[in-house]
Protein backbone atom coordinates (compact mmCIF):
# COMPACT_ATOMS: atom_id res chain seq x y z
CA MET A 1 24.07 -10.65 2.88
CA SER A 2 21.42 -8.22 3.23
CA ASN A 3 19.37 -8.83 6.72
CA LEU A 4 15.98 -8.87 4.69
CA ASP A 5 17.32 -11.97 2.92
CA ALA A 6 15.67 -13.58 6.66
CA ALA A 7 11.91 -12.39 4.80
CA GLY A 8 13.16 -14.38 1.36
CA THR A 9 12.39 -13.45 -2.29
CA TYR A 10 10.09 -13.39 -4.69
CA THR A 11 9.89 -14.10 -8.92
CA LEU A 12 8.59 -9.90 -10.06
CA GLY A 13 8.50 -10.48 -13.82
CA ASP A 14 11.79 -12.35 -14.75
CA ARG A 15 13.42 -10.47 -11.55
CA THR A 16 13.94 -11.85 -8.50
CA VAL A 17 13.24 -9.36 -5.54
CA LYS A 18 13.39 -9.34 -1.85
CA ARG A 19 9.99 -9.29 -0.11
CA LEU A 20 10.74 -6.17 1.53
CA GLY A 21 10.82 -3.82 -0.68
CA TYR A 22 10.26 0.06 -0.23
CA GLY A 23 7.20 2.43 -1.28
CA ALA A 24 7.76 6.19 -2.75
CA MET A 25 4.47 7.50 -2.41
CA GLN A 26 5.28 9.57 1.70
CA LEU A 27 8.45 11.43 -0.09
CA THR A 28 6.05 13.68 -1.68
CA GLY A 29 4.36 16.94 0.47
CA PRO A 30 1.07 17.10 2.04
CA GLY A 31 -1.51 14.86 0.39
CA VAL A 32 0.89 13.50 -1.95
CA PHE A 33 1.54 16.61 -3.74
CA GLY A 34 4.10 19.04 -4.30
CA PRO A 35 7.68 18.69 -3.36
CA PRO A 36 8.35 17.28 0.60
CA ARG A 37 9.32 19.75 3.47
CA ASP A 38 13.12 18.00 3.38
CA HIS A 39 14.47 18.07 -0.05
CA ASP A 40 17.59 16.32 1.35
CA ALA A 41 15.73 14.14 4.18
CA ALA A 42 14.20 12.07 1.08
CA LEU A 43 17.11 11.15 -0.57
CA ALA A 44 18.65 10.34 2.85
CA VAL A 45 15.44 7.77 2.76
CA LEU A 46 16.31 6.56 -0.72
CA ARG A 47 19.62 5.63 -0.28
CA GLU A 48 19.36 4.16 3.12
CA ALA A 49 16.76 1.90 1.42
CA ILE A 50 19.55 0.28 -0.94
CA ALA A 51 21.94 0.66 1.40
CA GLN A 52 19.70 -1.86 3.67
CA GLY A 53 19.67 -4.00 0.75
CA VAL A 54 16.00 -3.22 -0.75
CA ASN A 55 15.98 -3.88 -4.51
CA HIS A 56 12.60 -2.97 -5.07
CA ILE A 57 10.97 0.15 -4.61
CA ASP A 58 7.17 1.34 -5.95
CA THR A 59 6.88 4.57 -7.68
CA CYS A 60 4.23 6.64 -9.50
CA ASP A 61 4.60 9.77 -11.72
CA TYR A 62 1.68 11.09 -10.62
CA TYR A 63 2.93 11.32 -6.93
CA GLY A 64 3.49 15.13 -6.90
CA PRO A 65 3.44 14.58 -9.90
CA HIS A 66 6.09 13.43 -10.73
CA VAL A 67 7.95 14.83 -7.66
CA THR A 68 9.16 10.95 -6.61
CA ASN A 69 10.08 10.04 -9.92
CA LEU A 70 12.48 13.10 -9.67
CA LEU A 71 13.71 12.12 -5.85
CA ILE A 72 14.60 8.20 -7.05
CA ARG A 73 16.69 9.72 -10.21
CA GLU A 74 18.38 12.18 -8.11
CA ALA A 75 18.91 9.62 -4.98
CA LEU A 76 19.69 6.56 -7.15
CA HIS A 77 20.99 7.14 -10.61
CA PRO A 78 22.93 4.81 -12.15
CA TYR A 79 21.00 2.83 -10.78
CA PRO A 80 22.11 -0.60 -8.89
CA ASP A 81 21.86 -3.84 -11.78
CA ASP A 82 19.73 -5.98 -8.95
CA LEU A 83 16.96 -2.76 -8.11
CA VAL A 84 13.83 -2.98 -9.60
CA LEU A 85 11.67 -0.15 -10.31
CA VAL A 86 7.52 -0.47 -10.31
CA THR A 87 5.39 2.36 -11.34
CA LYS A 88 2.16 2.36 -13.07
CA ILE A 89 -0.04 4.83 -14.87
CA GLY A 90 -4.00 5.39 -15.43
CA ALA A 91 -4.49 8.75 -13.32
CA ARG A 92 -3.40 12.02 -12.89
CA ARG A 93 -3.78 14.61 -10.54
CA GLY A 94 -6.21 17.23 -10.54
CA ALA A 95 -5.25 20.90 -8.95
CA ASP A 96 -7.36 20.68 -6.51
CA LYS A 97 -5.16 17.46 -5.05
CA SER A 98 -7.97 15.53 -6.98
CA TRP A 99 -7.13 12.00 -8.21
CA LEU A 100 -8.67 11.74 -11.95
CA PRO A 101 -8.60 8.79 -14.22
CA ALA A 102 -6.56 8.68 -17.43
CA TYR A 103 -7.48 5.99 -19.54
CA ALA A 104 -7.30 7.67 -22.98
CA PRO A 105 -4.62 6.04 -25.19
CA ASP A 106 -2.55 9.61 -25.49
CA GLU A 107 -2.54 9.92 -21.81
CA LEU A 108 -1.49 6.05 -21.28
CA LYS A 109 1.33 6.92 -23.88
CA ALA A 110 2.32 10.56 -22.31
CA ALA A 111 2.63 8.78 -18.74
CA VAL A 112 4.79 5.69 -20.15
CA HIS A 113 7.01 8.43 -21.63
CA ASP A 114 6.94 10.69 -18.62
CA ASN A 115 8.05 8.01 -16.49
CA LEU A 116 10.83 7.13 -18.53
CA ARG A 117 12.13 10.51 -18.99
CA HIS A 118 11.84 11.06 -14.85
CA LEU A 119 13.46 7.65 -14.25
CA GLY A 120 15.77 8.01 -16.28
CA LEU A 121 15.43 5.09 -17.85
CA ASP A 122 14.98 3.11 -21.65
CA VAL A 123 12.38 0.84 -20.64
CA LEU A 124 10.22 0.30 -17.41
CA GLU A 125 10.86 -2.60 -15.70
CA VAL A 126 7.00 -2.71 -15.00
CA VAL A 127 4.14 -0.89 -15.29
CA ASN A 128 0.79 -1.25 -13.32
CA LEU A 129 -2.56 0.09 -15.22
CA ARG A 130 -4.42 1.27 -12.32
CA ILE A 131 -8.15 1.23 -12.73
CA MET A 132 -10.13 4.13 -11.36
CA PHE A 133 -13.69 2.92 -11.66
CA ASP A 134 -14.40 3.89 -8.34
CA THR A 135 -12.08 5.70 -6.12
CA HIS A 136 -13.02 3.93 -3.14
CA GLY A 137 -11.86 0.98 -4.32
CA PRO A 138 -12.21 -2.24 -7.66
CA ALA A 139 -15.30 -1.71 -9.52
CA GLU A 140 -15.91 -4.07 -11.95
CA GLY A 141 -16.22 -2.89 -15.94
CA SER A 142 -14.29 -4.31 -18.49
CA ILE A 143 -10.46 -3.18 -18.30
CA GLU A 144 -9.51 -4.46 -22.34
CA PRO A 145 -9.61 -0.84 -23.94
CA THR A 146 -7.15 0.49 -21.87
CA LEU A 147 -4.89 -3.03 -21.24
CA THR A 148 -4.95 -3.18 -25.04
CA VAL A 149 -2.68 0.17 -24.97
CA LEU A 150 -0.39 -0.49 -22.50
CA ALA A 151 0.12 -4.51 -24.12
CA GLU A 152 0.96 -2.07 -27.41
CA LEU A 153 3.35 -0.13 -25.53
CA GLN A 154 5.06 -3.33 -24.30
CA ARG A 155 5.43 -4.63 -27.79
CA HIS A 156 7.13 -1.36 -28.58
CA GLY A 157 9.85 -2.26 -26.03
CA LEU A 158 8.54 0.37 -23.85
CA ILE A 159 7.60 -2.05 -21.38
CA ARG A 160 9.10 -5.09 -19.65
CA HIS A 161 6.27 -6.36 -17.57
CA ILE A 162 2.65 -4.99 -16.54
CA GLY A 163 0.66 -5.25 -13.47
CA LEU A 164 -2.59 -4.63 -12.20
CA SER A 165 -3.47 -1.96 -9.40
CA ASN A 166 -7.01 -1.49 -7.74
CA VAL A 167 -8.83 -4.76 -9.82
CA THR A 168 -10.88 -7.35 -9.12
CA PRO A 169 -10.99 -11.18 -9.86
CA THR A 170 -12.66 -10.51 -12.88
CA GLN A 171 -10.94 -8.14 -14.57
CA ILE A 172 -7.13 -9.78 -13.48
CA ALA A 173 -8.81 -13.45 -15.67
CA GLU A 174 -9.66 -10.63 -18.48
CA GLY A 175 -6.14 -8.77 -18.20
CA ARG A 176 -4.47 -12.19 -18.02
CA LYS A 177 -6.20 -13.08 -21.95
CA ILE A 178 -4.53 -9.84 -23.20
CA ALA A 179 -0.96 -9.84 -21.72
CA ASN A 180 1.26 -11.41 -18.83
CA ILE A 181 0.00 -10.10 -15.72
CA VAL A 182 3.02 -10.16 -13.02
CA CYS A 183 1.93 -8.57 -10.20
CA VAL A 184 -1.15 -7.32 -8.67
CA GLN A 185 -1.48 -4.66 -6.16
CA ASN A 186 -4.34 -4.05 -3.89
CA GLN A 187 -5.32 -2.91 -0.64
CA TYR A 188 -4.75 -5.73 2.14
CA ASN A 189 -3.97 -5.47 5.36
CA LEU A 190 -4.92 -7.16 8.57
CA ALA A 191 -8.27 -5.39 8.94
CA HIS A 192 -9.15 -5.18 5.25
CA ARG A 193 -9.06 -8.86 3.43
CA ALA A 194 -11.63 -8.88 1.13
CA ASP A 195 -8.83 -10.24 -1.40
CA ASP A 196 -8.18 -13.50 0.80
CA ALA A 197 -9.46 -15.82 -1.76
CA LEU A 198 -7.34 -14.06 -4.85
CA ILE A 199 -4.19 -14.02 -2.52
CA ASP A 200 -4.30 -17.72 -2.69
CA ASP A 201 -5.39 -18.10 -6.46
CA LEU A 202 -2.30 -15.57 -7.72
CA ALA A 203 0.05 -17.85 -5.68
CA ARG A 204 -0.64 -20.63 -6.81
CA ASP A 205 0.00 -18.89 -10.34
CA GLY A 206 3.17 -17.74 -9.30
CA ILE A 207 2.08 -13.89 -9.57
CA ALA A 208 2.96 -11.49 -7.14
CA TYR A 209 0.59 -9.47 -4.99
CA VAL A 210 1.32 -6.27 -3.88
CA PRO A 211 -0.64 -4.78 -1.03
CA PHE A 212 -1.10 -1.15 -0.79
CA PHE A 213 -2.08 0.87 2.64
CA PRO A 214 -0.36 -2.49 4.52
CA LEU A 215 -0.34 -0.38 7.37
CA GLY A 216 -3.64 0.88 6.97
CA GLY A 217 -2.91 4.12 4.82
CA PHE A 218 -4.34 7.74 5.73
CA SER A 219 -6.56 5.63 8.52
CA PRO A 220 -3.67 3.95 10.63
CA LEU A 221 -4.34 0.16 11.88
CA GLN A 222 -5.71 0.70 15.09
CA SER A 223 -6.56 -2.47 17.25
CA SER A 224 -6.37 -3.64 21.03
CA THR A 225 -5.15 -7.04 19.91
CA LEU A 226 -2.40 -6.04 17.81
CA ASN A 227 -0.98 -3.57 20.51
CA GLU A 228 -1.00 -6.35 22.92
CA VAL A 229 0.90 -8.93 20.64
CA ALA A 230 3.59 -6.07 19.95
CA ALA A 231 4.33 -5.43 23.44
CA ARG A 232 4.95 -9.16 24.18
CA LEU A 233 7.14 -9.39 21.10
CA ASP A 234 9.02 -5.68 22.15
CA ALA A 235 7.84 -4.89 18.73
CA THR A 236 5.73 -1.81 17.45
CA PRO A 237 1.73 -2.51 16.02
CA MET A 238 3.18 -1.46 13.03
CA GLN A 239 5.70 -4.30 12.57
CA VAL A 240 3.73 -6.60 14.00
CA ALA A 241 1.31 -5.58 11.01
CA LEU A 242 4.15 -6.01 8.26
CA ALA A 243 5.23 -9.37 9.83
CA TRP A 244 1.95 -10.83 9.95
CA LEU A 245 1.73 -10.31 6.16
CA LEU A 246 5.14 -11.79 5.29
CA ARG A 247 3.21 -14.84 6.78
CA ARG A 248 0.06 -14.55 5.22
CA SER A 249 0.99 -15.62 1.72
CA PRO A 250 4.54 -16.59 -0.05
CA ASN A 251 3.79 -14.27 -2.75
CA ILE A 252 3.29 -10.86 -1.01
CA LEU A 253 5.69 -8.99 -1.60
CA LEU A 254 5.83 -5.45 0.85
CA ILE A 255 6.19 -1.98 -0.08
CA PRO A 256 5.86 0.39 3.28
CA GLY A 257 6.10 3.72 2.72
CA THR A 258 7.94 6.53 4.99
CA SER A 259 9.87 9.69 4.96
CA SER A 260 12.07 8.91 7.89
CA VAL A 261 15.11 7.48 7.75
CA ALA A 262 14.87 5.95 11.40
CA HIS A 263 10.71 4.57 10.53
CA LEU A 264 12.51 3.13 7.30
CA ARG A 265 14.89 0.77 9.75
CA GLU A 266 11.99 0.18 11.74
CA ASN A 267 10.03 -1.08 8.89
CA LEU A 268 12.94 -3.41 7.14
CA ALA A 269 13.48 -5.00 10.64
CA VAL A 270 10.68 -6.61 10.46
CA ALA A 271 12.58 -9.06 8.32
CA ALA A 272 13.46 -10.78 11.18
CA LEU A 273 10.71 -10.72 13.54
CA VAL A 274 9.24 -14.01 14.04
CA LEU A 275 5.00 -14.22 15.28
CA PRO A 276 4.58 -16.98 17.52
CA ASP A 277 1.46 -19.48 16.57
CA GLU A 278 -0.10 -18.26 18.67
CA ALA A 279 0.26 -14.72 18.13
CA ILE A 280 -0.95 -15.33 14.44
CA ALA A 281 -3.72 -16.95 15.70
CA ARG A 282 -4.83 -13.84 17.63
CA LEU A 283 -4.01 -11.90 14.88
CA ASP A 284 -6.01 -14.04 12.32
CA ARG A 285 -8.76 -12.52 14.27
CA ILE A 286 -9.03 -9.18 13.83
CA ASP A 287 -10.62 -9.46 10.89
CA ALA A 288 -13.62 -10.58 11.75
CA GLY A 289 -13.62 -7.84 14.85
CA ARG A 290 -12.43 -5.43 12.88
CA ALA A 291 -10.98 -3.39 15.57
CA GLY A 292 -10.53 -6.59 17.56
């Protein structure tokens, strides 16, 4: 039994995964671009994640680009039977490290084949369609033309399950008329809770919610309340922020990223961290005050 079992499991597509997983984005070079500073250290993080019981890894072929998928293949292939690799398409990287939409049918098809080749797979377990009508967050607009291409690739057997990323409730409803949506990946954390109602709606329908930037992303969470709660529990503020997300809803799957084995172990130790009701109440008030 893994220590991660304490955090519970949830269904992702037709697979059962532990609610604490790993996000591979930080294995790349600065700005999610280029190779890691320490190649062997990146491989060690991936292998330690598996050793700790992680069976859900989030990756993407435009991280690097191609860097994280190639590292995952080098470190872990042939993959453990219970490992679920989740990738995403819908964007590409510019030479200036920019993040650009990649929605043309040929771009989407090429992205799926790139992910298959670089990961060494015959079929992708879950592919999230990243919507980039606005690079700063979800923005309304029909996703039907783009998602239809992904659904066609699913029918051809290249993809088992489809998810959506950076989307609005309206787009999710539109998407569910086109394909079975098994997960939604949006920004959400203690200080960024625009999706509160959406999370509850998805939970009722058995759809996983995977928050990206669970620790604030490029601007780490800063809160005196968070620091005080962490000090009382003899934990780090980031551990408390992750534990709060686990308590928030049973359909939340966490994919905190890191390029450090020590930090990885610290993140995964959250499975056993129990937040008292009083701490939860204090943390719940952070969003209203933002900096808390």
